[in-house]
PDB file of N, CA and C in Angstrom:
ATOM      1  N   UNK A   1     109.545  71.890 129.670  1.00  0.00           N
ATOM      2  CA  UNK A   1     108.201  72.172 128.829  1.00  0.00           C
ATOM      3  C   UNK A   1     107.808  70.950 128.789  1.00  0.00           C
ATOM      4  N   UNK A   2     106.540  70.683 127.972  1.00  0.00           N
ATOM      5  CA  UNK A   2     105.847  69.423 127.636  1.00  0.00           C
ATOM      6  C   UNK A   2     104.857  69.608 126.459  1.00  0.00           C
ATOM      7  N   UNK A   3     105.087  68.695 125.736  1.00  0.00           N
ATOM      8  CA  UNK A   3     104.246  69.219 124.392  1.00  0.00           C
ATOM      9  C   UNK A   3     103.484  67.668 124.388  1.00  0.00           C
ATOM     10  N   UNK A   4     101.880  68.515 124.368  1.00  0.00           N
ATOM     11  CA  UNK A   4     100.276  67.476 124.177  1.00  0.00           C
ATOM     12  C   UNK A   4      99.756  67.183 123.196  1.00  0.00           C
ATOM     13  N   UNK A   5      99.873  65.849 122.629  1.00  0.00           N
ATOM     14  CA  UNK A   5      99.147  65.879 121.426  1.00  0.00           C
ATOM     15  C   UNK A   5      98.198  64.077 121.560  1.00  0.00           C
ATOM     16  N   UNK A   6      96.751  64.751 121.544  1.00  0.00           N
ATOM     17  CA  UNK A   6      95.159  64.697 122.081  1.00  0.00           C
ATOM     18  C   UNK A   6      94.853  63.527 121.154  1.00  0.00           C
ATOM     19  N   UNK A   7      94.401  62.623 121.042  1.00  0.00           N
ATOM     20  CA  UNK A   7      93.708  61.682 119.403  1.00  0.00           C
ATOM     21  C   UNK A   7      92.336  60.945 120.525  1.00  0.00           C
ATOM     22  N   UNK A   8      91.783  60.223 119.345  1.00  0.00           N
ATOM     23  CA  UNK A   8      91.154  59.498 119.914  1.00  0.00           C
ATOM     24  C   UNK A   8      89.105  60.175 119.949  1.00  0.00           C
ATOM     25  N   UNK A   9      89.315  61.500 119.170  1.00  0.00           N
ATOM     26  CA  UNK A   9      88.127  62.020 119.159  1.00  0.00           C
ATOM     27  C   UNK A   9      86.947  61.524 118.242  1.00  0.00           C
ATOM     28  N   UNK A  10      85.929  62.090 117.530  1.00  0.00           N
ATOM     29  CA  UNK A  10      84.961  61.530 116.808  1.00  0.00           C
ATOM     30  C   UNK A  10      83.814  61.568 117.026  1.00  0.00           C
ATOM     31  N   UNK A  11      82.533  60.844 116.236  1.00  0.00           N
ATOM     32  CA  UNK A  11      81.433  60.724 116.140  1.00  0.00           C
ATOM     33  C   UNK A  11      81.331  59.166 117.034  1.00  0.00           C
ATOM     34  N   UNK A  12      80.254  59.443 117.690  1.00  0.00           N
ATOM     35  CA  UNK A  12      79.434  58.627 118.755  1.00  0.00           C
ATOM     36  C   UNK A  12      78.266  58.655 119.676  1.00  0.00           C
ATOM     37  N   UNK A  13      77.048  57.893 119.351  1.00  0.00           N
ATOM     38  CA  UNK A  13      75.685  58.174 119.536  1.00  0.00           C
ATOM     39  C   UNK A  13      76.003  58.053 121.394  1.00  0.00           C
ATOM     40  N   UNK A  14      74.864  58.868 121.730  1.00  0.00           N
ATOM     41  CA  UNK A  14      74.430  58.734 123.083  1.00  0.00           C
ATOM     42  C   UNK A  14      74.573  57.421 123.806  1.00  0.00           C
ATOM     43  N   UNK A  15      75.064  57.169 124.794  1.00  0.00           N
ATOM     44  CA  UNK A  15      75.116  56.232 124.758  1.00  0.00           C
ATOM     45  C   UNK A  15      76.084  55.026 125.376  1.00  0.00           C
ATOM     46  N   UNK A  16      76.517  55.122 123.929  1.00  0.00           N
ATOM     47  CA  UNK A  16      78.131  54.555 123.910  1.00  0.00           C
ATOM     48  C   UNK A  16      78.999  55.308 124.736  1.00  0.00           C
ATOM     49  N   UNK A  17      80.390  54.539 123.752  1.00  0.00           N
ATOM     50  CA  UNK A  17      81.337  54.999 124.941  1.00  0.00           C
ATOM     51  C   UNK A  17      82.599  55.640 124.191  1.00  0.00           C
ATOM     52  N   UNK A  18      83.534  56.604 124.299  1.00  0.00           N
ATOM     53  CA  UNK A  18      84.769  56.686 123.553  1.00  0.00           C
ATOM     54  C   UNK A  18      85.897  56.763 124.667  1.00  0.00           C
ATOM     55  N   UNK A  19      87.213  56.463 124.006  1.00  0.00           N
ATOM     56  CA  UNK A  19      88.529  56.839 124.607  1.00  0.00           C
ATOM     57  C   UNK A  19      89.087  57.826 124.265  1.00  0.00           C
ATOM     58  N   UNK A  20      89.633  59.066 124.895  1.00  0.00           N
ATOM     59  CA  UNK A  20      90.332  59.650 124.373  1.00  0.00           C
ATOM     60  C   UNK A  20      91.725  59.695 125.019  1.00  0.00           C
ATOM     61  N   UNK A  21      92.797  59.945 124.475  1.00  0.00           N
ATOM     62  CA  UNK A  21      94.297  59.761 125.098  1.00  0.00           C
ATOM     63  C   UNK A  21      95.114  61.398 124.660  1.00  0.00           C
ATOM     64  N   UNK A  22      95.712  61.647 125.411  1.00  0.00           N
ATOM     65  CA  UNK A  22      96.612  62.264 124.919  1.00  0.00           C
ATOM     66  C   UNK A  22      98.465  62.183 125.688  1.00  0.00           C
ATOM     67  N   UNK A  23      98.797  62.132 125.033  1.00  0.00           N
ATOM     68  CA  UNK A  23     100.503  61.798 124.693  1.00  0.00           C
ATOM     69  C   UNK A  23     101.567  63.459 124.902  1.00  0.00           C
ATOM     70  N   UNK A  24     102.437  62.428 126.220  1.00  0.00           N
ATOM     71  CA  UNK A  24     102.917  63.314 126.578  1.00  0.00           C
ATOM     72  C   UNK A  24     104.516  63.459 125.742  1.00  0.00           C
ATOM     73  N   UNK A  25     105.438  64.385 125.654  1.00  0.00           N
ATOM     74  CA  UNK A  25     106.759  64.848 124.938  1.00  0.00           C
ATOM     75  C   UNK A  25     107.624  64.656 126.676  1.00  0.00           C
ATOM     76  N   UNK A  26     108.773  64.640 126.541  1.00  0.00           N
ATOM     77  CA  UNK A  26     109.651  64.579 127.632  1.00  0.00           C
ATOM     78  C   UNK A  26     109.647  63.741 128.800  1.00  0.00           C
ATOM     79  N   UNK A  27     110.927  64.554 129.442  1.00  0.00           N
ATOM     80  CA  UNK A  27     110.893  63.195 130.542  1.00  0.00           C
ATOM     81  C   UNK A  27     110.842  63.851 132.311  1.00  0.00           C
ATOM     82  N   UNK A  28     109.254  64.681 131.880  1.00  0.00           N
ATOM     83  CA  UNK A  28     109.205  64.923 132.929  1.00  0.00           C
ATOM     84  C   UNK A  28     107.649  65.396 133.104  1.00  0.00           C
ATOM     85  N   UNK A  29     107.148  63.974 132.605  1.00  0.00           N
ATOM     86  CA  UNK A  29     106.024  63.480 133.386  1.00  0.00           C
ATOM     87  C   UNK A  29     105.398  63.429 133.710  1.00  0.00           C
ATOM     88  N   UNK A  30     105.408  63.142 134.756  1.00  0.00           N
ATOM     89  CA  UNK A  30     105.411  62.084 135.681  1.00  0.00           C
ATOM     90  C   UNK A  30     105.394  64.028 137.466  1.00  0.00           C
ATOM     91  N   UNK A  31     105.575  64.362 137.062  1.00  0.00           N
ATOM     92  CA  UNK A  31     106.021  65.547 137.190  1.00  0.00           C
ATOM     93  C   UNK A  31     104.771  67.063 137.192  1.00  0.00           C
ATOM     94  N   UNK A  32     103.914  66.309 136.501  1.00  0.00           N
ATOM     95  CA  UNK A  32     102.932  67.536 136.564  1.00  0.00           C
ATOM     96  C   UNK A  32     101.148  67.083 136.713  1.00  0.00           C
ATOM     97  N   UNK A  33     100.219  67.944 136.912  1.00  0.00           N
ATOM     98  CA  UNK A  33      99.034  67.353 137.578  1.00  0.00           C
ATOM     99  C   UNK A  33      98.696  67.449 136.218  1.00  0.00           C
ATOM    100  N   UNK A  34      97.704  66.127 135.429  1.00  0.00           N
ATOM    101  CA  UNK A  34      97.135  66.245 134.486  1.00  0.00           C
ATOM    102  C   UNK A  34      95.764  66.585 134.190  1.00  0.00           C
ATOM    103  N   UNK A  35      95.531  67.445 133.710  1.00  0.00           N
ATOM    104  CA  UNK A  35      93.856  67.616 132.960  1.00  0.00           C
ATOM    105  C   UNK A  35      93.112  67.619 132.071  1.00  0.00           C
ATOM    106  N   UNK A  36      92.171  67.173 132.063  1.00  0.00           N
ATOM    107  CA  UNK A  36      91.322  67.349 130.702  1.00  0.00           C
ATOM    108  C   UNK A  36      90.664  68.412 130.945  1.00  0.00           C
ATOM    109  N   UNK A  37      90.303  68.935 129.469  1.00  0.00           N
ATOM    110  CA  UNK A  37      89.308  70.500 129.017  1.00  0.00           C
ATOM    111  C   UNK A  37      88.386  70.404 128.035  1.00  0.00           C
ATOM    112  N   UNK A  38      87.190  71.060 128.134  1.00  0.00           N
ATOM    113  CA  UNK A  38      86.242  70.539 126.697  1.00  0.00           C
ATOM    114  C   UNK A  38      85.745  72.358 126.285  1.00  0.00           C
ATOM    115  N   UNK A  39      85.561  72.503 125.150  1.00  0.00           N
ATOM    116  CA  UNK A  39      84.927  74.072 125.031  1.00  0.00           C
ATOM    117  C   UNK A  39      84.033  73.447 123.522  1.00  0.00           C
ATOM    118  N   UNK A  40      82.566  74.082 124.202  1.00  0.00           N
ATOM    119  CA  UNK A  40      82.043  73.965 122.916  1.00  0.00           C
ATOM    120  C   UNK A  40      81.759  75.014 122.253  1.00  0.00           C
ATOM    121  N   UNK A  41      80.836  74.957 121.059  1.00  0.00           N
ATOM    122  CA  UNK A  41      80.986  76.282 120.136  1.00  0.00           C
ATOM    123  C   UNK A  41      80.119  77.345 120.855  1.00  0.00           C
ATOM    124  N   UNK A  42      80.926  78.238 121.012  1.00  0.00           N
ATOM    125  CA  UNK A  42      80.282  80.119 122.026  1.00  0.00           C
ATOM    126  C   UNK A  42      80.165  79.980 123.273  1.00  0.00           C
ATOM    127  N   UNK A  43      80.808  78.624 124.091  1.00  0.00           N
ATOM    128  CA  UNK A  43      80.676  78.708 125.031  1.00  0.00           C
ATOM    129  C   UNK A  43      82.494  78.223 125.813  1.00  0.00           C
ATOM    130  N   UNK A  44      82.585  78.790 127.012  1.00  0.00           N
ATOM    131  CA  UNK A  44      84.186  79.110 127.273  1.00  0.00           C
ATOM    132  C   UNK A  44      84.840  77.686 128.002  1.00  0.00           C
ATOM    133  N   UNK A  45      85.725  77.087 128.139  1.00  0.00           N
ATOM    134  CA  UNK A  45      86.425  76.374 127.949  1.00  0.00           C
ATOM    135  C   UNK A  45      86.050  75.871 129.646  1.00  0.00           C
ATOM    136  N   UNK A  46      86.027  74.539 129.665  1.00  0.00           N
ATOM    137  CA  UNK A  46      85.546  73.609 130.763  1.00  0.00           C
ATOM    138  C   UNK A  46      86.149  72.614 131.897  1.00  0.00           C
ATOM    139  N   UNK A  47      86.433  72.887 132.986  1.00  0.00           N
ATOM    140  CA  UNK A  47      86.665  72.430 133.421  1.00  0.00           C
ATOM    141  C   UNK A  47      85.738  70.320 133.679  1.00  0.00           C
ATOM    142  N   UNK A  48      86.891  69.310 132.629  1.00  0.00           N
ATOM    143  CA  UNK A  48      86.470  68.106 132.462  1.00  0.00           C
ATOM    144  C   UNK A  48      86.575  66.986 134.131  1.00  0.00           C
ATOM    145  N   UNK A  49      88.084  67.371 134.203  1.00  0.00           N
ATOM    146  CA  UNK A  49      89.122  65.831 135.190  1.00  0.00           C
ATOM    147  C   UNK A  49      90.304  66.167 135.404  1.00  0.00           C
ATOM    148  N   UNK A  50      90.147  65.538 136.612  1.00  0.00           N
ATOM    149  CA  UNK A  50      92.045  66.235 136.584  1.00  0.00           C
ATOM    150  C   UNK A  50      92.259  64.848 136.918  1.00  0.00           C
ATOM    151  N   UNK A  51      93.429  64.842 137.413  1.00  0.00           N
ATOM    152  CA  UNK A  51      94.623  63.511 138.086  1.00  0.00           C
ATOM    153  C   UNK A  51      95.713  64.142 138.408  1.00  0.00           C
ATOM    154  N   UNK A  52      96.118  63.447 139.849  1.00  0.00           N
ATOM    155  CA  UNK A  52      97.493  64.245 140.814  1.00  0.00           C
ATOM    156  C   UNK A  52      98.087  63.334 140.437  1.00  0.00           C
ATOM    157  N   UNK A  53      99.766  64.012 140.028  1.00  0.00           N
ATOM    158  CA  UNK A  53     101.000  62.983 140.435  1.00  0.00           C
ATOM    159  C   UNK A  53     101.153  61.919 141.155  1.00  0.00           C
ATOM    160  N   UNK A  54     101.994  60.819 141.088  1.00  0.00           N
ATOM    161  CA  UNK A  54     101.632  60.428 141.862  1.00  0.00           C
ATOM    162  C   UNK A  54     102.071  59.992 143.139  1.00  0.00           C
ATOM    163  N   UNK A  55     101.261  59.763 143.675  1.00  0.00           N
ATOM    164  CA  UNK A  55     101.867  59.154 145.827  1.00  0.00           C
ATOM    165  C   UNK A  55     102.241  57.926 146.220  1.00  0.00           C
ATOM    166  N   UNK A  56     102.635  57.509 145.856  1.00  0.00           N
ATOM    167  CA  UNK A  56     103.583  55.936 145.808  1.00  0.00           C
ATOM    168  C   UNK A  56     102.431  55.381 144.411  1.00  0.00           C
ATOM    169  N   UNK A  57     101.445  54.845 144.891  1.00  0.00           N
ATOM    170  CA  UNK A  57     101.741  53.932 143.362  1.00  0.00           C
ATOM    171  C   UNK A  57     100.222  54.385 143.199  1.00  0.00           C
ATOM    172  N   UNK A  58      99.542  55.507 143.617  1.00  0.00           N
ATOM    173  CA  UNK A  58      97.795  55.703 143.774  1.00  0.00           C
ATOM    174  C   UNK A  58      98.164  57.170 143.032  1.00  0.00           C
ATOM    175  N   UNK A  59      96.745  57.510 142.469  1.00  0.00           N
ATOM    176  CA  UNK A  59      96.538  58.948 142.711  1.00  0.00           C
ATOM    177  C   UNK A  59      95.504  59.406 142.688  1.00  0.00           C
ATOM    178  N   UNK A  60      95.063  60.979 142.865  1.00  0.00           N
ATOM    179  CA  UNK A  60      93.750  61.495 143.225  1.00  0.00           C
ATOM    180  C   UNK A  60      93.249  61.940 141.984  1.00  0.00           C
ATOM    181  N   UNK A  61      92.027  62.063 141.960  1.00  0.00           N
ATOM    182  CA  UNK A  61      91.408  62.438 140.407  1.00  0.00           C
ATOM    183  C   UNK A  61      90.213  63.321 141.158  1.00  0.00           C
ATOM    184  N   UNK A  62      89.516  64.115 140.067  1.00  0.00           N
ATOM    185  CA  UNK A  62      88.746  64.928 140.401  1.00  0.00           C
ATOM    186  C   UNK A  62      88.147  65.045 139.133  1.00  0.00           C
ATOM    187  N   UNK A  63      86.772  65.127 138.935  1.00  0.00           N
ATOM    188  CA  UNK A  63      85.919  65.469 137.536  1.00  0.00           C
ATOM    189  C   UNK A  63      84.741  66.561 138.133  1.00  0.00           C
ATOM    190  N   UNK A  64      84.241  67.148 136.937  1.00  0.00           N
ATOM    191  CA  UNK A  64      83.457  67.855 136.982  1.00  0.00           C
ATOM    192  C   UNK A  64      81.934  67.295 137.478  1.00  0.00           C
ATOM    193  N   UNK A  65      81.287  68.086 137.727  1.00  0.00           N
ATOM    194  CA  UNK A  65      79.909  67.366 138.211  1.00  0.00           C
ATOM    195  C   UNK A  65      78.662  66.738 136.680  1.00  0.00           C
ATOM    196  N   UNK A  66      78.931  67.463 135.886  1.00  0.00           N
ATOM    197  CA  UNK A  66      78.495  67.268 135.190  1.00  0.00           C
ATOM    198  C   UNK A  66      79.200  65.753 134.661  1.00  0.00           C
ATOM    199  N   UNK A  67      79.701  65.408 134.542  1.00  0.00           N
ATOM    200  CA  UNK A  67      80.802  63.854 133.977  1.00  0.00           C
ATOM    201  C   UNK A  67      80.824  62.537 135.276  1.00  0.00           C
ATOM    202  N   UNK A  68      80.946  63.237 136.303  1.00  0.00           N
ATOM    203  CA  UNK A  68      81.457  62.632 137.728  1.00  0.00           C
ATOM    204  C   UNK A  68      80.279  60.856 137.719  1.00  0.00           C
ATOM    205  N   UNK A  69      81.064  59.872 137.609  1.00  0.00           N
ATOM    206  CA  UNK A  69      80.579  58.673 137.249  1.00  0.00           C
ATOM    207  C   UNK A  69      79.788  58.116 135.908  1.00  0.00           C
ATOM    208  N   UNK A  70      80.629  58.540 134.550  1.00  0.00           N
ATOM    209  CA  UNK A  70      80.396  58.532 133.259  1.00  0.00           C
ATOM    210  C   UNK A  70      81.464  58.591 133.083  1.00  0.00           C
ATOM    211  N   UNK A  71      82.791  59.657 133.318  1.00  0.00           N
ATOM    212  CA  UNK A  71      83.839  59.841 132.456  1.00  0.00           C
ATOM    213  C   UNK A  71      84.839  58.801 133.466  1.00  0.00           C
ATOM    214  N   UNK A  72      85.965  58.604 132.801  1.00  0.00           N
ATOM    215  CA  UNK A  72      87.148  58.423 134.370  1.00  0.00           C
ATOM    216  C   UNK A  72      88.265  58.690 133.832  1.00  0.00           C
ATOM    217  N   UNK A  73      89.264  59.340 134.660  1.00  0.00           N
ATOM    218  CA  UNK A  73      90.426  59.769 133.853  1.00  0.00           C
ATOM    219  C   UNK A  73      91.604  58.815 134.680  1.00  0.00           C
ATOM    220  N   UNK A  74      92.892  58.841 133.656  1.00  0.00           N
ATOM    221  CA  UNK A  74      93.651  57.753 134.497  1.00  0.00           C
ATOM    222  C   UNK A  74      95.070  58.356 133.390  1.00  0.00           C
ATOM    223  N   UNK A  75      95.805  57.956 134.310  1.00  0.00           N
ATOM    224  CA  UNK A  75      97.452  58.318 133.890  1.00  0.00           C
ATOM    225  C   UNK A  75      98.483  57.337 133.587  1.00  0.00           C
ATOM    226  N   UNK A  76      99.414  56.776 132.808  1.00  0.00           N
ATOM    227  CA  UNK A  76     100.327  55.795 133.043  1.00  0.00           C
ATOM    228  C   UNK A  76     102.106  56.672 132.617  1.00  0.00           C
ATOM    229  N   UNK A  77     102.735  56.666 133.944  1.00  0.00           N
ATOM    230  CA  UNK A  77     103.535  57.304 133.619  1.00  0.00           C
ATOM    231  C   UNK A  77     104.809  56.866 133.109  1.00  0.00           C
ATOM    232  N   UNK A  78     104.315  55.342 132.987  1.00  0.00           N
ATOM    233  CA  UNK A  78     105.830  54.443 131.799  1.00  0.00           C
ATOM    234  C   UNK A  78     105.527  54.814 130.440  1.00  0.00           C
ATOM    235  N   UNK A  79     104.746  55.360 129.919  1.00  0.00           N
ATOM    236  CA  UNK A  79     104.476  55.784 129.061  1.00  0.00           C
ATOM    237  C   UNK A  79     103.902  57.201 128.091  1.00  0.00           C
ATOM    238  N   UNK A  80     103.893  57.805 129.357  1.00  0.00           N
ATOM    239  CA  UNK A  80     103.530  59.748 129.128  1.00  0.00           C
ATOM    240  C   UNK A  80     101.964  59.523 128.530  1.00  0.00           C
ATOM    241  N   UNK A  81     101.156  59.000 129.434  1.00  0.00           N
ATOM    242  CA  UNK A  81     100.115  59.380 128.683  1.00  0.00           C
ATOM    243  C   UNK A  81      98.950  60.079 129.739  1.00  0.00           C
ATOM    244  N   UNK A  82      97.848  60.051 129.145  1.00  0.00           N
ATOM    245  CA  UNK A  82      96.892  60.450 130.183  1.00  0.00           C
ATOM    246  C   UNK A  82      95.871  59.734 129.315  1.00  0.00           C
ATOM    247  N   UNK A  83      94.312  59.359 129.970  1.00  0.00           N
ATOM    248  CA  UNK A  83      93.538  59.229 129.217  1.00  0.00           C
ATOM    249  C   UNK A  83      91.942  59.534 129.543  1.00  0.00           C
ATOM    250  N   UNK A  84      91.039  59.794 128.750  1.00  0.00           N
ATOM    251  CA  UNK A  84      89.452  59.730 129.350  1.00  0.00           C
ATOM    252  C   UNK A  84      89.163  59.314 128.919  1.00  0.00           C
ATOM    253  N   UNK A  85      87.766  58.242 129.406  1.00  0.00           N
ATOM    254  CA  UNK A  85      87.438  57.243 129.127  1.00  0.00           C
ATOM    255  C   UNK A  85      85.699  58.051 129.260  1.00  0.00           C
ATOM    256  N   UNK A  86      85.229  58.193 128.419  1.00  0.00           N
ATOM    257  CA  UNK A  86      83.612  58.608 128.218  1.00  0.00           C
ATOM    258  C   UNK A  86      82.280  57.613 128.213  1.00  0.00           C
ATOM    259  N   UNK A  87      82.372  56.973 128.721  1.00  0.00           N
ATOM    260  CA  UNK A  87      80.697  56.363 129.250  1.00  0.00           C
ATOM    261  C   UNK A  87      79.609  57.271 128.673  1.00  0.00           C
ATOM    262  N   UNK A  88      79.107  56.681 128.024  1.00  0.00           N
ATOM    263  CA  UNK A  88      77.579  56.783 128.380  1.00  0.00           C
ATOM    264  C   UNK A  88      77.387  58.561 128.181  1.00  0.00           C
ATOM    265  N   UNK A  89      78.100  58.488 127.311  1.00  0.00           N
ATOM    266  CA  UNK A  89      78.070  60.105 127.051  1.00  0.00           C
ATOM    267  C   UNK A  89      76.802  61.086 126.275  1.00  0.00           C
ATOM    268  N   UNK A  90      76.741  62.196 126.334  1.00  0.00           N
ATOM    269  CA  UNK A  90      75.438  62.624 126.136  1.00  0.00           C
ATOM    270  C   UNK A  90      75.668  64.068 124.919  1.00  0.00           C
ATOM    271  N   UNK A  91      74.391  64.012 124.356  1.00  0.00           N
ATOM    272  CA  UNK A  91      74.886  64.928 123.319  1.00  0.00           C
ATOM    273  C   UNK A  91      75.543  66.882 123.825  1.00  0.00           C
ATOM    274  N   UNK A  92      75.284  66.536 125.190  1.00  0.00           N
ATOM    275  CA  UNK A  92      75.517  67.981 125.214  1.00  0.00           C
ATOM    276  C   UNK A  92      77.267  68.163 125.964  1.00  0.00           C
ATOM    277  N   UNK A  93      77.706  66.638 125.593  1.00  0.00           N
ATOM    278  CA  UNK A  93      79.383  66.419 125.874  1.00  0.00           C
ATOM    279  C   UNK A  93      79.968  66.766 125.397  1.00  0.00           C
ATOM    280  N   UNK A  94      79.508  67.283 123.310  1.00  0.00           N
ATOM    281  CA  UNK A  94      79.952  67.722 122.484  1.00  0.00           C
ATOM    282  C   UNK A  94      80.928  68.691 122.541  1.00  0.00           C
ATOM    283  N   UNK A  95      81.814  68.520 122.292  1.00  0.00           N
ATOM    284  CA  UNK A  95      83.118  69.711 122.431  1.00  0.00           C
ATOM    285  C   UNK A  95      84.541  69.398 122.183  1.00  0.00           C
ATOM    286  N   UNK A  96      85.339  70.405 121.832  1.00  0.00           N
ATOM    287  CA  UNK A  96      86.473  69.751 121.979  1.00  0.00           C
ATOM    288  C   UNK A  96      87.056  69.857 122.941  1.00  0.00           C
ATOM    289  N   UNK A  97      87.753  68.571 123.362  1.00  0.00           N
ATOM    290  CA  UNK A  97      88.465  68.076 124.545  1.00  0.00           C
ATOM    291  C   UNK A  97      89.609  68.334 123.973  1.00  0.00           C
ATOM    292  N   UNK A  98      90.405  69.172 125.607  1.00  0.00           N
ATOM    293  CA  UNK A  98      91.930  69.789 125.182  1.00  0.00           C
ATOM    294  C   UNK A  98      92.876  68.874 126.619  1.00  0.00           C
ATOM    295  N   UNK A  99      93.688  67.950 126.150  1.00  0.00           N
ATOM    296  CA  UNK A  99      94.829  67.867 128.039  1.00  0.00           C
ATOM    297  C   UNK A  99      95.478  68.547 128.162  1.00  0.00           C
ATOM    298  N   UNK A 100      95.693  68.539 129.378  1.00  0.00           N
ATOM    299  CA  UNK A 100      97.000  70.253 129.747  1.00  0.00           C
ATOM    300  C   UNK A 100      97.411  69.852 130.534  1.00  0.00           C
ATOM    301  N   UNK A 101      99.087  70.204 130.861  1.00  0.00           N
ATOM    302  CA  UNK A 101      99.413  69.628 132.034  1.00  0.00           C
ATOM    303  C   UNK A 101      99.510  70.722 132.976  1.00  0.00           C
ATOM    304  N   UNK A 102      99.909  70.915 134.794  1.00  0.00           N
ATOM    305  CA  UNK A 102     100.490  71.887 134.834  1.00  0.00           C
ATOM    306  C   UNK A 102     101.226  71.627 136.249  1.00  0.00           C
ATOM    307  N   UNK A 103     101.803  72.919 136.655  1.00  0.00           N
ATOM    308  CA  UNK A 103     103.083  72.393 137.613  1.00  0.00           C
ATOM    309  C   UNK A 103     102.733  72.988 138.932  1.00  0.00           C
ATOM    310  N   UNK A 104     101.545  73.693 139.050  1.00  0.00           N
ATOM    311  CA  UNK A 104     100.836  73.949 140.361  1.00  0.00           C
ATOM    312  C   UNK A 104     101.621  73.061 141.546  1.00  0.00           C
ATOM    313  N   UNK A 105     101.784  73.443 143.184  1.00  0.00           N
ATOM    314  CA  UNK A 105     101.809  72.885 144.084  1.00  0.00           C
ATOM    315  C   UNK A 105     100.549  71.748 145.134  1.00  0.00           C
ATOM    316  N   UNK A 106      99.830  71.498 143.959  1.00  0.00           N
ATOM    317  CA  UNK A 106      98.985  71.639 145.002  1.00  0.00           C
ATOM    318  C   UNK A 106      98.360  70.315 144.378  1.00  0.00           C
ATOM    319  N   UNK A 107      97.108  69.237 144.936  1.00  0.00           N
ATOM    320  CA  UNK A 107      97.419  67.881 144.004  1.00  0.00           C
ATOM    321  C   UNK A 107      96.560  67.704 143.490  1.00  0.00           C
ATOM    322  N   UNK A 108      95.818  68.358 142.941  1.00  0.00           N
ATOM    323  CA  UNK A 108      94.805  68.942 141.555  1.00  0.00           C
ATOM    324  C   UNK A 108      94.223  70.842 141.693  1.00  0.00           C
ATOM    325  N   UNK A 109      94.278  70.506 140.226  1.00  0.00           N
ATOM    326  CA  UNK A 109      93.557  72.109 140.060  1.00  0.00           C
ATOM    327  C   UNK A 109      92.650  71.814 138.691  1.00  0.00           C
ATOM    328  N   UNK A 110      91.524  73.405 139.186  1.00  0.00           N
ATOM    329  CA  UNK A 110      90.548  72.838 138.281  1.00  0.00           C
ATOM    330  C   UNK A 110      90.768  74.696 137.536  1.00  0.00           C
ATOM    331  N   UNK A 111      91.384  75.635 137.749  1.00  0.00           N
ATOM    332  CA  UNK A 111      91.207  76.302 136.925  1.00  0.00           C
ATOM    333  C   UNK A 111      92.057  76.180 135.897  1.00  0.00           C
ATOM    334  N   UNK A 112      91.868  76.286 134.601  1.00  0.00           N
ATOM    335  CA  UNK A 112      92.169  76.534 132.891  1.00  0.00           C
ATOM    336  C   UNK A 112      93.550  77.414 132.914  1.00  0.00           C
ATOM    337  N   UNK A 113      93.879  78.490 134.230  1.00  0.00           N
ATOM    338  CA  UNK A 113      94.107  79.374 134.125  1.00  0.00           C
ATOM    339  C   UNK A 113      95.644  79.082 134.552  1.00  0.00           C
ATOM    340  N   UNK A 114      95.294  77.453 135.859  1.00  0.00           N
ATOM    341  CA  UNK A 114      96.623  77.303 136.556  1.00  0.00           C
ATOM    342  C   UNK A 114      97.609  75.878 135.416  1.00  0.00           C
ATOM    343  N   UNK A 115      96.944  76.116 134.496  1.00  0.00           N
ATOM    344  CA  UNK A 115      97.504  74.841 133.290  1.00  0.00           C
ATOM    345  C   UNK A 115      98.505  76.186 132.767  1.00  0.00           C
ATOM    346  N   UNK A 116      99.524  75.083 132.315  1.00  0.00           N
ATOM    347  CA  UNK A 116     100.630  75.644 131.703  1.00  0.00           C
ATOM    348  C   UNK A 116     101.061  75.220 129.928  1.00  0.00           C
ATOM    349  N   UNK A 117     100.360  73.850 130.005  1.00  0.00           N
ATOM    350  CA  UNK A 117     100.405  73.569 128.697  1.00  0.00           C
ATOM    351  C   UNK A 117      99.479  72.754 128.250  1.00  0.00           C
ATOM    352  N   UNK A 118      98.875  73.044 127.020  1.00  0.00           N
ATOM    353  CA  UNK A 118      98.124  72.765 126.503  1.00  0.00           C
ATOM    354  C   UNK A 118      98.093  71.749 125.058  1.00  0.00           C
ATOM    355  N   UNK A 119      96.973  70.935 124.955  1.00  0.00           N
ATOM    356  CA  UNK A 119      97.320  70.471 123.941  1.00  0.00           C
ATOM    357  C   UNK A 119      96.225  71.458 122.501  1.00  0.00           C
ATOM    358  N   UNK A 120      96.570  70.393 121.260  1.00  0.00           N
ATOM    359  CA  UNK A 120      95.793  71.338 120.235  1.00  0.00           C
ATOM    360  C   UNK A 120      93.842  70.716 120.438  1.00  0.00           C
ATOM    361  N   UNK A 121      94.072  70.146 121.276  1.00  0.00           N
ATOM    362  CA  UNK A 121      92.131  69.368 120.873  1.00  0.00           C
ATOM    363  C   UNK A 121      92.021  68.135 119.898  1.00  0.00           C
ATOM    364  N   UNK A 122      90.805  67.495 120.380  1.00  0.00           N
ATOM    365  CA  UNK A 122      90.121  66.976 119.484  1.00  0.00           C
ATOM    366  C   UNK A 122      88.404  66.559 119.599  1.00  0.00           C
ATOM    367  N   UNK A 123      88.012  66.861 118.755  1.00  0.00           N
ATOM    368  CA  UNK A 123      86.982  67.124 118.915  1.00  0.00           C
ATOM    369  C   UNK A 123      86.211  65.948 118.873  1.00  0.00           C
ATOM    370  N   UNK A 124      84.864  65.806 119.793  1.00  0.00           N
ATOM    371  CA  UNK A 124      83.946  64.592 120.129  1.00  0.00           C
ATOM    372  C   UNK A 124      82.842  65.126 119.858  1.00  0.00           C
ATOM    373  N   UNK A 125      82.016  64.325 119.077  1.00  0.00           N
ATOM    374  CA  UNK A 125      80.257  64.372 118.698  1.00  0.00           C
ATOM    375  C   UNK A 125      79.490  63.351 118.960  1.00  0.00           C
ATOM    376  N   UNK A 126      78.635  63.780 119.862  1.00  0.00           N
ATOM    377  CA  UNK A 126      77.663  62.962 120.339  1.00  0.00           C
ATOM    378  C   UNK A 126      76.174  63.017 119.900  1.00  0.00           C
ATOM    379  N   UNK A 127      76.025  62.335 118.889  1.00  0.00           N
ATOM    380  CA  UNK A 127      74.986  61.948 118.182  1.00  0.00           C
ATOM    381  C   UNK A 127      73.521  61.527 119.421  1.00  0.00           C
ATOM    382  N   UNK A 128      72.480  62.180 118.988  1.00  0.00           N
ATOM    383  CA  UNK A 128      71.516  61.263 119.818  1.00  0.00           C
ATOM    384  C   UNK A 128      70.692  60.475 119.226  1.00  0.00           C
TER     385      UNK A 128
END
């Protein structure tokens, strides 16, 4: 089992940048696919980005089309952390952001129902 705690949320101006972090407990962090999701008021939780388990020294990452080229997901297995660098955020990126861990036997997964553990979320508000 793993516990996830997000940090780094807050208020950011459109076009700025914000870095979200997620700290995981447990000794098996490297065995999980890690993902970031978000949920805006009145909307369903949606996929943002995911990063695979290590393959040697490399990782595979996947992004929602809405954030591709602006957001970057990364992980540090030695520190049990996964991060989401948000560059050039837009007001429509305003949401509660969640990190999640999946034991699925795939490279990456996008569906929230395939994630097994979730953090409590951190609010990101982008002002125009």
